[in-house]
C-alpha atoms as a PDB file:
ATOM      1  CA  MET A   1      -0.019  -0.011   0.018  1.00  0.00           C
ATOM      2  CA  SER A   2       1.357   3.380  -0.900  1.00  0.00           C
ATOM      3  CA  ILE A   3       1.492   6.293   1.496  1.00  0.00           C
ATOM      4  CA  ILE A   4      -1.101   8.206  -0.529  1.00  0.00           C
ATOM      5  CA  HIS A   5      -3.535   5.304  -0.418  1.00  0.00           C
ATOM      6  CA  LYS A   6      -3.085   5.029   3.381  1.00  0.00           C
ATOM      7  CA  PHE A   7      -3.608   8.789   3.728  1.00  0.00           C
ATOM      8  CA  ARG A   8      -6.807   8.634   1.713  1.00  0.00           C
ATOM      9  CA  ILE A   9      -8.198   5.829   3.857  1.00  0.00           C
ATOM     10  CA  SER A  10      -7.322   7.635   7.107  1.00  0.00           C
ATOM     11  CA  LEU A  11      -8.795  10.859   5.792  1.00  0.00           C
ATOM     12  CA  ILE A  12     -12.077   9.166   4.845  1.00  0.00           C
ATOM     13  CA  ALA A  13     -12.212   7.379   8.209  1.00  0.00           C
ATOM     14  CA  SER A  14     -11.617  10.634  10.024  1.00  0.00           C
ATOM     15  CA  LEU A  15     -14.317  12.516   8.064  1.00  0.00           C
ATOM     16  CA  LEU A  16     -16.764   9.668   8.667  1.00  0.00           C
ATOM     17  CA  SER A  17     -16.021   9.600  12.369  1.00  0.00           C
ATOM     18  CA  ILE A  18     -16.472  13.397  12.659  1.00  0.00           C
ATOM     19  CA  THR A  19     -19.707  13.242  10.697  1.00  0.00           C
ATOM     20  CA  LEU A  20     -21.094  10.461  12.877  1.00  0.00           C
ATOM     21  CA  MET A  21     -20.129  12.249  16.082  1.00  0.00           C
ATOM     22  CA  THR A  22     -21.859  15.471  15.052  1.00  0.00           C
ATOM     23  CA  LEU A  23     -25.209  13.794  14.229  1.00  0.00           C
ATOM     24  CA  PRO A  24     -27.986  14.493  16.749  1.00  0.00           C
ATOM     25  CA  THR A  25     -28.651  11.789  19.288  1.00  0.00           C
ATOM     26  CA  VAL A  26     -32.402  12.428  19.379  1.00  0.00           C
ATOM     27  CA  SER A  27     -33.186   9.217  17.512  1.00  0.00           C
ATOM     28  CA  SER A  28     -31.652   7.013  20.232  1.00  0.00           C
ATOM     29  CA  ALA A  29     -34.153   8.424  22.761  1.00  0.00           C
ATOM     30  CA  GLN A  30     -37.040   6.894  20.836  1.00  0.00           C
ATOM     31  CA  CYS A  31     -35.930   3.322  21.666  1.00  0.00           C
ATOM     32  CA  ALA A  32     -36.690   3.760  25.381  1.00  0.00           C
ATOM     33  CA  MET A  33     -40.136   5.178  24.586  1.00  0.00           C
ATOM     34  CA  CYS A  34     -40.925   2.261  22.224  1.00  0.00           C
ATOM     35  CA  THR A  35     -39.833  -0.209  24.929  1.00  0.00           C
ATOM     36  CA  LEU A  36     -41.995   1.481  27.544  1.00  0.00           C
ATOM     37  CA  ASN A  37     -44.968   1.540  25.198  1.00  0.00           C
ATOM     38  CA  ALA A  38     -44.563  -2.169  24.365  1.00  0.00           C
ATOM     39  CA  GLU A  39     -44.332  -3.127  28.057  1.00  0.00           C
ATOM     40  CA  ASN A  40     -47.378  -1.136  28.999  1.00  0.00           C
ATOM     41  CA  SER A  41     -49.503  -2.427  26.138  1.00  0.00           C
ATOM     42  CA  THR A  42     -48.731  -6.128  26.884  1.00  0.00           C
ATOM     43  CA  GLN A  43     -49.624  -5.614  30.573  1.00  0.00           C
ATOM     44  CA  GLU A  44     -52.982  -4.132  29.592  1.00  0.00           C
ATOM     45  CA  GLY A  45     -53.716  -7.013  27.190  1.00  0.00           C
ATOM     46  CA  ASN A  46     -53.246  -5.154  23.931  1.00  0.00           C
ATOM     47  CA  THR A  47     -51.443  -6.793  21.027  1.00  0.00           C
ATOM     48  CA  GLN A  48     -49.732  -3.549  19.916  1.00  0.00           C
ATOM     49  CA  GLY A  49     -46.520  -4.638  21.655  1.00  0.00           C
ATOM     50  CA  LYS A  50     -46.423  -7.858  19.672  1.00  0.00           C
ATOM     51  CA  GLY A  51     -46.899  -5.903  16.471  1.00  0.00           C
ATOM     52  CA  LEU A  52     -44.122  -3.527  17.439  1.00  0.00           C
ATOM     53  CA  ASN A  53     -41.782  -6.491  18.227  1.00  0.00           C
ATOM     54  CA  ASP A  54     -42.624  -8.079  14.864  1.00  0.00           C
ATOM     55  CA  GLY A  55     -41.822  -4.818  13.090  1.00  0.00           C
ATOM     56  CA  ILE A  56     -38.481  -4.557  14.853  1.00  0.00           C
ATOM     57  CA  LEU A  57     -37.628  -8.154  13.840  1.00  0.00           C
ATOM     58  CA  PHE A  58     -38.644  -7.435  10.244  1.00  0.00           C
ATOM     59  CA  LEU A  59     -36.452  -4.333  10.102  1.00  0.00           C
ATOM     60  CA  LEU A  60     -33.591  -6.229  11.699  1.00  0.00           C
ATOM     61  CA  ALA A  61     -33.909  -9.170   9.252  1.00  0.00           C
ATOM     62  CA  MET A  62     -33.779  -7.115   6.064  1.00  0.00           C
ATOM     63  CA  PRO A  63     -30.097  -6.099   6.140  1.00  0.00           C
ATOM     64  CA  PHE A  64     -29.067  -9.676   6.923  1.00  0.00           C
ATOM     65  CA  MET A  65     -31.165 -11.030   4.052  1.00  0.00           C
ATOM     66  CA  ILE A  66     -29.622  -8.510   1.679  1.00  0.00           C
ATOM     67  CA  ALA A  67     -26.109  -9.402   2.841  1.00  0.00           C
ATOM     68  CA  ALA A  68     -26.832 -13.084   2.478  1.00  0.00           C
ATOM     69  CA  GLY A  69     -28.143 -12.553  -1.057  1.00  0.00           C
ATOM     70  CA  VAL A  70     -25.027 -10.544  -2.085  1.00  0.00           C
ATOM     71  CA  GLY A  71     -22.789 -13.152  -0.461  1.00  0.00           C
ATOM     72  CA  PHE A  72     -24.543 -15.943  -2.307  1.00  0.00           C
ATOM     73  CA  LEU A  73     -24.275 -14.191  -5.691  1.00  0.00           C
ATOM     74  CA  TRP A  74     -20.622 -13.442  -5.003  1.00  0.00           C
ATOM     75  CA  TYR A  75     -20.055 -17.131  -4.112  1.00  0.00           C
ATOM     76  CA  LYS A  76     -21.771 -18.280  -7.284  1.00  0.00           C
ATOM     77  CA  LYS A  77     -19.725 -15.921  -9.432  1.00  0.00           C
ATOM     78  CA  PHE A  78     -16.473 -17.002  -7.808  1.00  0.00           C
ATOM     79  CA  ARG A  79     -17.392 -20.664  -8.065  1.00  0.00           C
ATOM     80  CA  ASN A  80     -18.252 -20.354 -11.749  1.00  0.00           C
ATOM     81  CA  THR A  81     -15.038 -18.486 -12.633  1.00  0.00           C
ATOM     82  CA  SER A  82     -12.776 -20.810 -10.622  1.00  0.00           C
ATOM     83  CA  GLY A  83     -14.514 -23.872 -12.039  1.00  0.00           C
ATOM     84  CA  SER A  84     -14.027 -22.733 -15.654  1.00  0.00           C
ATOM     85  CA  ASN A  85     -10.381 -21.916 -14.959  1.00  0.00           C
ATOM     86  CA  SER A  86      -9.723 -25.401 -13.584  1.00  0.00           C
ATOM     87  CA  MET A  87     -11.436 -27.013 -16.598  1.00  0.00           C
ATOM     88  CA  HIS A  88      -9.386 -24.873 -18.927  1.00  0.00           C
ATOM     89  CA  MET A  89      -6.171 -26.024 -17.154  1.00  0.00           C
ATOM     90  CA  ILE A  90      -7.153 -29.677 -17.440  1.00  0.00           C
ATOM     91  CA  LYS A  91      -7.772 -29.267 -21.177  1.00  0.00           C
ATOM     92  CA  GLN A  92      -4.349 -27.701 -21.606  1.00  0.00           C
ATOM     93  CA  ILE A  93      -2.674 -30.532 -19.728  1.00  0.00           C
ATOM     94  CA  GLU A  94      -4.448 -33.124 -21.842  1.00  0.00           C
ATOM     95  CA  GLU A  95      -3.209 -31.527 -25.055  1.00  0.00           C
END
């Protein structure tokens, strides 16, 4: 790795860190309110808490499903290219 490449990576990482640190933290406060709402609704017999939990699981599962799909496609592409290369080598050896 050249020094310029390392500098670019460190510059991008620094800018990303600064950007993430300056974002407002208001959104993290909502999680406690959702938890409190879900607990209160299940104690009163409502099913809103179950719906909220299902929604959270759905939102959590989507990034993992996308990553698994990309990984599977990457694996298929790698397997196809490596398999064709090995068959090409075998044909060259036979000749």
